[in-house]
Amino acid sequence: MKIVLWKIGALGDVLMTTPLVRQLRKALPDAQIDYLTGRGCVPVLDGNPHVDRVVAFDEHILYGGKATRLAEVLRLLEGYDVAFVLDKHWIFQALAWWARIPVRVGFMRRRREGLLHTHRVPYGRLRHEIHYYLDLLRAYGLSVDFADVKLELPESGESLVPSPYCVLINSGGANARESSEVRKMPDALFRALVDHCGAGGPMAFLGSPSERAYYEKYKRQSDINLCGQTSLSQAWSVLKHARAIYSTDSGLMHMAAAVNPSLTAIFGPTHPARKCPPGARWAWVDRMNYDSKYELFGVLPEGPFFSGMTLAHILEEAQPRIL
């Protein structure tokens, strides 16, 4: 049997599918299990022991509306017996159908978006993303262990930063499908967190090249700004050896949870019950401002967010997350 798991990205979302991959391999040890994903997410899966092959495609074909290149994706989907379609937009199920994959397991946000799947999981009510992915296995008829939710990353090497240090990440909302800063803490709150963490020793800042200038405003001589200076593998080695990590909802937040239990996740417009990584502590004060349309359909929320959050919420009142 040839099975393909298909997800375009992003990094944190792909990482949240690793419990699904692990349990699928346990249930079907003799199957060929491939994972088709955007090029930018390949490092998260490369070396995963439960995947036979990681297949990359140019995610800009779909993000950039390059319909003339859809045939490239169709060719990569051909020849499979089963597809687990891990994205929710109708185009993904349509391509799996056009590729003539006989069994297509996926989500149904709206009634019409699930029509081309042969096995459907209703998506919408507040539930953790990892459990939604595991629901796909149950829909296919396999047994599921909802307590087995550990995120998996390939092995990493030694940290680039001398110990001890803490990592601060104030990011989220800037990716191929969105260009916003809606998940970032306000500058005043982040400054308070920086001052507190800096009193305990050196800090490291992680992020993309475009975020480097932002962190320079907060960096002291003893700190290190690694934005744009690391590979993904190097980034999670820095996360692995940190004494503490504070991160907003971003791909790096999920990577941190996969390698280090000392993570505090700081939420604004997204709901920790849906996105907080297993084992992390979480801080959130925006329950009254929460709008599920952002997580379900990508509708950018108006906010404001984090306005009622203080340093005490992050340091003293953060809650442990147990799935």
Protein backbone atom coordinates (compact mmCIF):
# COMPACT_ATOMS: atom_id res chain seq x y z
CA MET A 1 0.00 0.00 0.00
CA LYS A 2 1.28 3.45 -0.93
CA ILE A 3 0.17 6.33 1.30
CA VAL A 4 0.88 10.03 0.90
CA LEU A 5 0.44 12.65 3.59
CA TRP A 6 0.09 16.03 1.93
CA LYS A 7 0.53 19.41 3.59
CA ILE A 8 1.83 22.62 2.05
CA GLY A 9 3.14 24.14 5.33
CA ALA A 10 3.71 26.06 7.54
CA LEU A 11 6.52 24.85 9.81
CA GLY A 12 4.51 24.69 13.03
CA ASP A 13 1.52 23.12 11.32
CA VAL A 14 3.65 20.42 9.70
CA LEU A 15 5.30 19.72 13.04
CA MET A 16 1.87 19.22 14.63
CA THR A 17 1.23 16.39 12.15
CA THR A 18 4.16 14.31 13.42
CA PRO A 19 2.04 12.41 16.00
CA LEU A 20 -0.23 11.42 13.09
CA VAL A 21 2.79 10.20 11.12
CA ARG A 22 4.09 8.19 14.06
CA GLN A 23 0.75 6.51 14.77
CA LEU A 24 0.12 5.79 11.10
CA ARG A 25 3.44 3.95 10.87
CA LYS A 26 2.60 1.97 14.02
CA ALA A 27 -0.76 0.95 12.59
CA LEU A 28 0.56 0.13 9.10
CA PRO A 29 4.19 -0.93 9.50
CA ASP A 30 4.47 -2.43 6.00
CA ALA A 31 2.97 0.48 4.08
CA GLN A 32 5.02 2.93 2.03
CA ILE A 33 4.42 6.29 3.72
CA ASP A 34 5.52 9.41 1.86
CA TYR A 35 5.06 13.03 2.92
CA LEU A 36 4.52 15.67 0.23
CA THR A 37 5.19 19.19 1.48
CA GLY A 38 6.45 22.62 0.45
CA ARG A 39 10.20 22.98 0.07
CA GLY A 40 10.49 25.23 3.10
CA CYS A 41 9.15 22.51 5.42
CA VAL A 42 11.33 19.62 4.27
CA PRO A 43 13.93 20.03 7.09
CA VAL A 44 11.21 19.44 9.71
CA LEU A 45 10.52 15.98 8.25
CA ASP A 46 13.86 14.98 6.77
CA GLY A 47 15.12 12.11 8.91
CA ASN A 48 11.75 11.31 10.50
CA PRO A 49 11.96 7.54 11.10
CA HIS A 50 8.28 7.00 10.35
CA VAL A 51 8.41 8.42 6.80
CA ASP A 52 9.86 6.50 3.87
CA ARG A 53 10.27 9.52 1.64
CA VAL A 54 9.85 13.28 1.96
CA VAL A 55 8.81 14.77 -1.38
CA ALA A 56 9.15 18.51 -1.91
CA PHE A 57 7.22 20.77 -4.26
CA ASP A 58 7.25 24.48 -4.92
CA GLU A 59 4.63 25.84 -2.52
CA HIS A 60 4.41 29.05 -4.55
CA ILE A 61 2.45 27.11 -7.17
CA LEU A 62 -0.50 27.29 -4.77
CA TYR A 63 0.38 30.31 -2.64
CA GLY A 64 1.19 32.42 -5.68
CA GLY A 65 -1.73 31.32 -7.81
CA LYS A 66 0.45 29.76 -10.51
CA ALA A 67 -2.31 27.60 -11.95
CA THR A 68 -0.32 26.80 -15.07
CA ARG A 69 2.04 24.69 -12.92
CA LEU A 70 -0.59 22.61 -11.15
CA ALA A 71 0.35 19.67 -13.36
CA GLU A 72 3.65 19.49 -11.45
CA VAL A 73 1.77 18.81 -8.23
CA LEU A 74 -0.56 16.33 -9.89
CA ARG A 75 2.38 14.27 -11.11
CA LEU A 76 3.73 14.04 -7.56
CA LEU A 77 0.35 12.81 -6.30
CA GLU A 78 -0.09 10.09 -8.89
CA GLY A 79 0.23 6.42 -8.00
CA TYR A 80 -0.89 6.49 -4.38
CA ASP A 81 -3.60 4.29 -2.91
CA VAL A 82 -4.45 6.59 0.01
CA ALA A 83 -4.01 10.33 0.55
CA PHE A 84 -4.27 12.06 3.91
CA VAL A 85 -5.05 15.62 2.82
CA LEU A 86 -3.91 17.73 5.76
CA ASP A 87 -4.84 21.17 4.40
CA LYS A 88 -8.45 22.28 4.49
CA HIS A 89 -8.94 24.44 1.39
CA TRP A 90 -10.93 22.82 -1.42
CA ILE A 91 -8.04 22.99 -3.92
CA PHE A 92 -6.11 20.31 -2.01
CA GLN A 93 -8.91 17.78 -2.08
CA ALA A 94 -9.60 18.64 -5.72
CA LEU A 95 -6.00 17.93 -6.71
CA ALA A 96 -6.04 14.60 -4.84
CA TRP A 97 -9.23 13.72 -6.71
CA TRP A 98 -7.80 14.81 -10.06
CA ALA A 99 -4.73 12.65 -9.35
CA ARG A 100 -7.15 9.70 -9.10
CA ILE A 101 -6.13 8.64 -5.62
CA PRO A 102 -8.93 6.22 -4.71
CA VAL A 103 -9.03 6.87 -0.95
CA ARG A 104 -8.85 10.51 0.18
CA VAL A 105 -9.05 11.33 3.89
CA GLY A 106 -9.44 14.97 4.87
CA PHE A 107 -11.27 17.78 6.62
CA MET A 108 -14.64 19.38 6.06
CA ARG A 109 -14.78 23.00 7.27
CA ARG A 110 -17.76 23.83 5.12
CA ARG A 111 -20.09 21.28 3.60
CA ARG A 112 -18.82 21.74 0.06
CA GLU A 113 -15.16 21.64 1.01
CA GLY A 114 -15.37 18.01 2.03
CA LEU A 115 -17.37 16.55 -0.83
CA LEU A 116 -14.42 15.11 -2.72
CA HIS A 117 -12.99 13.26 0.26
CA THR A 118 -13.98 9.62 0.66
CA HIS A 119 -13.45 9.88 4.46
CA ARG A 120 -14.23 13.18 6.21
CA VAL A 121 -13.54 14.82 9.57
CA PRO A 122 -15.72 17.85 10.43
CA TYR A 123 -13.44 20.75 11.36
CA GLY A 124 -14.49 23.79 13.34
CA ARG A 125 -15.28 23.34 17.02
CA LEU A 126 -12.57 24.24 19.52
CA ARG A 127 -10.19 21.29 19.70
CA HIS A 128 -6.44 20.90 19.53
CA GLU A 129 -4.98 20.72 16.03
CA ILE A 130 -3.01 17.58 16.89
CA HIS A 131 -6.20 15.79 17.88
CA TYR A 132 -7.86 16.90 14.66
CA TYR A 133 -5.02 15.34 12.68
CA LEU A 134 -5.37 12.13 14.69
CA ASP A 135 -9.09 12.15 13.91
CA LEU A 136 -8.13 11.48 10.30
CA LEU A 137 -6.67 8.12 11.32
CA ARG A 138 -9.88 7.24 13.13
CA ALA A 139 -11.94 8.28 10.11
CA TYR A 140 -9.86 5.90 8.01
CA GLY A 141 -10.64 3.10 10.46
CA LEU A 142 -7.41 2.91 12.45
CA SER A 143 -7.08 2.95 16.23
CA VAL A 144 -5.81 6.19 17.77
CA ASP A 145 -4.00 7.07 20.98
CA PHE A 146 -4.96 10.66 21.77
CA ALA A 147 -2.42 10.75 24.59
CA ASP A 148 0.47 10.17 22.15
CA VAL A 149 0.99 13.79 21.07
CA LYS A 150 4.75 14.34 21.30
CA LEU A 151 6.13 16.52 18.50
CA GLU A 152 9.13 15.09 16.65
CA LEU A 153 12.10 16.82 15.05
CA PRO A 154 15.25 15.30 13.57
CA GLU A 155 18.32 15.23 15.80
CA SER A 156 20.30 18.46 16.13
CA GLY A 157 23.86 19.25 17.15
CA GLU A 158 25.43 21.47 19.76
CA SER A 159 24.07 24.93 20.42
CA LEU A 160 25.70 27.96 18.80
CA VAL A 161 25.25 29.88 22.06
CA PRO A 162 27.29 29.27 25.23
CA SER A 163 25.16 28.14 28.17
CA PRO A 164 23.30 29.30 30.15
CA TYR A 165 20.95 31.49 28.13
CA CYS A 166 17.26 31.98 27.46
CA VAL A 167 15.55 32.40 24.08
CA LEU A 168 12.98 35.09 23.31
CA ILE A 169 10.75 35.01 20.21
CA ASN A 170 8.20 37.70 19.41
CA SER A 171 6.90 36.62 16.03
CA GLY A 172 3.96 35.11 14.18
CA GLY A 173 1.58 36.33 11.49
CA ALA A 174 4.20 36.71 8.75
CA ASN A 175 4.18 33.77 6.33
CA ALA A 176 3.29 32.90 2.77
CA ARG A 177 -0.45 33.13 3.48
CA GLU A 178 -0.40 36.14 5.78
CA SER A 179 1.53 39.34 6.25
CA SER A 180 0.72 40.82 9.63
CA GLU A 181 2.07 41.30 13.14
CA VAL A 182 -1.15 40.34 14.86
CA ARG A 183 0.44 37.58 16.97
CA LYS A 184 3.32 39.73 18.23
CA MET A 185 3.43 41.17 21.73
CA PRO A 186 3.35 44.98 21.93
CA ASP A 187 6.78 46.56 22.27
CA ALA A 188 6.21 47.64 25.87
CA LEU A 189 5.29 44.13 27.00
CA PHE A 190 8.17 42.56 25.11
CA ARG A 191 10.56 45.14 26.59
CA ALA A 192 9.40 44.18 30.10
CA LEU A 193 10.02 40.50 29.32
CA VAL A 194 13.45 41.28 27.85
CA ASP A 195 14.43 43.28 30.94
CA HIS A 196 13.34 40.48 33.25
CA CYS A 197 15.11 37.72 31.32
CA GLY A 198 18.19 39.85 30.76
CA ALA A 199 18.66 40.24 34.50
CA GLY A 200 19.23 36.49 34.70
CA GLY A 201 21.92 36.27 32.05
CA PRO A 202 22.46 36.27 28.27
CA MET A 203 19.58 36.03 25.81
CA ALA A 204 19.31 34.75 22.25
CA PHE A 205 16.78 36.03 19.70
CA LEU A 206 15.61 33.71 16.92
CA GLY A 207 13.68 34.58 13.78
CA SER A 208 13.83 35.31 10.07
CA PRO A 209 16.27 37.68 8.34
CA SER A 210 13.54 40.31 8.07
CA GLU A 211 13.15 40.32 11.87
CA ARG A 212 16.80 40.96 12.64
CA ALA A 213 16.50 44.75 12.87
CA TYR A 214 13.54 44.45 15.25
CA TYR A 215 15.54 42.50 17.84
CA GLU A 216 18.54 44.79 17.57
CA LYS A 217 16.48 47.34 19.54
CA TYR A 218 16.49 44.99 22.54
CA LYS A 219 19.91 43.35 22.26
CA ARG A 220 22.62 44.03 24.85
CA GLN A 221 26.31 43.33 24.43
CA SER A 222 25.99 39.95 26.15
CA ASP A 223 23.06 38.85 23.96
CA ILE A 224 23.10 37.31 20.50
CA ASN A 225 20.75 38.08 17.62
CA LEU A 226 20.51 34.94 15.49
CA CYS A 227 17.72 36.10 13.17
CA GLY A 228 18.59 34.94 9.68
CA GLN A 229 21.89 33.48 10.91
CA THR A 230 20.90 29.84 11.47
CA SER A 231 19.57 26.89 9.54
CA LEU A 232 16.42 25.31 10.93
CA SER A 233 18.49 22.51 12.48
CA GLN A 234 20.77 25.05 14.15
CA ALA A 235 17.75 26.98 15.41
CA TRP A 236 16.27 24.01 17.19
CA SER A 237 19.65 23.12 18.67
CA VAL A 238 19.67 26.60 20.21
CA LEU A 239 16.14 25.96 21.48
CA LYS A 240 17.06 22.55 22.86
CA HIS A 241 19.82 23.82 25.14
CA ALA A 242 18.12 27.00 26.41
CA ARG A 243 17.36 27.28 30.12
CA ALA A 244 14.02 28.92 29.27
CA ILE A 245 12.08 29.91 26.14
CA TYR A 246 9.37 32.54 25.78
CA SER A 247 7.60 32.58 22.42
CA THR A 248 4.50 33.88 20.75
CA ASP A 249 2.48 31.61 18.44
CA SER A 250 4.88 30.79 15.59
CA GLY A 251 6.69 27.90 13.96
CA LEU A 252 9.58 28.38 16.37
CA MET A 253 7.18 27.94 19.29
CA HIS A 254 6.30 24.44 18.10
CA MET A 255 9.95 23.61 17.41
CA ALA A 256 10.81 24.70 20.94
CA ALA A 257 8.15 22.40 22.39
CA ALA A 258 9.55 19.46 20.44
CA VAL A 259 13.00 19.76 22.04
CA ASN A 260 12.66 21.61 25.35
CA PRO A 261 10.05 21.40 28.15
CA SER A 262 10.94 24.88 29.47
CA LEU A 263 8.67 26.76 27.07
CA THR A 264 6.15 29.46 27.91
CA ALA A 265 3.85 30.12 24.94
CA ILE A 266 2.29 33.58 24.77
CA PHE A 267 -0.99 33.88 22.88
CA GLY A 268 -3.00 36.77 21.48
CA PRO A 269 -5.55 36.16 18.68
CA THR A 270 -5.09 32.37 18.58
CA HIS A 271 -6.55 30.04 21.17
CA PRO A 272 -4.17 27.96 23.32
CA ALA A 273 -6.70 25.13 23.45
CA ARG A 274 -6.20 24.80 19.68
CA LYS A 275 -2.53 25.70 19.25
CA CYS A 276 -0.53 25.46 22.50
CA PRO A 277 2.11 22.74 22.14
CA PRO A 278 1.94 19.70 24.43
CA GLY A 279 3.85 20.21 27.67
CA ALA A 280 4.22 23.99 27.36
CA ARG A 281 2.94 26.60 29.78
CA TRP A 282 0.71 29.24 28.23
CA ALA A 283 -0.29 32.83 28.92
CA TRP A 284 -3.45 34.29 27.38
CA VAL A 285 -5.79 37.16 28.28
CA ASP A 286 -7.77 37.63 25.05
CA ARG A 287 -10.63 35.20 25.59
CA MET A 288 -13.20 37.98 25.10
CA ASN A 289 -11.54 39.11 21.84
CA TYR A 290 -11.16 35.64 20.37
CA ASP A 291 -12.57 35.15 16.87
CA SER A 292 -12.36 31.59 15.53
CA LYS A 293 -12.58 32.78 11.91
CA TYR A 294 -8.88 33.63 12.06
CA GLU A 295 -7.88 30.03 12.76
CA LEU A 296 -10.60 28.41 10.69
CA PHE A 297 -10.53 30.56 7.56
CA GLY A 298 -7.57 32.92 7.84
CA VAL A 299 -9.72 36.02 8.36
CA LEU A 300 -7.40 38.59 9.95
CA PRO A 301 -8.79 39.68 13.35
CA GLU A 302 -9.05 43.33 14.28
CA GLY A 303 -7.86 43.19 17.90
CA PRO A 304 -6.36 44.83 19.84
CA PHE A 305 -4.65 41.87 21.47
CA PHE A 306 -2.34 41.50 24.48
CA SER A 307 -3.64 44.83 25.84
CA GLY A 308 -4.56 43.32 29.20
CA MET A 309 -1.45 41.17 29.53
CA THR A 310 1.27 42.00 32.03
CA LEU A 311 4.65 40.50 32.79
CA ALA A 312 3.04 38.71 35.74
CA HIS A 313 0.71 36.85 33.39
CA ILE A 314 3.73 35.45 31.57
CA LEU A 315 5.95 34.71 34.55
CA GLU A 316 3.56 33.85 37.36
CA GLU A 317 0.15 33.04 35.94
CA ALA A 318 1.01 30.96 32.87
CA GLN A 319 -0.90 27.67 32.86
CA PRO A 320 0.45 24.18 32.13
CA ARG A 321 -0.93 22.68 28.93
CA ILE A 322 -2.11 19.09 29.07
CA LEU A 323 -3.80 17.61 25.99
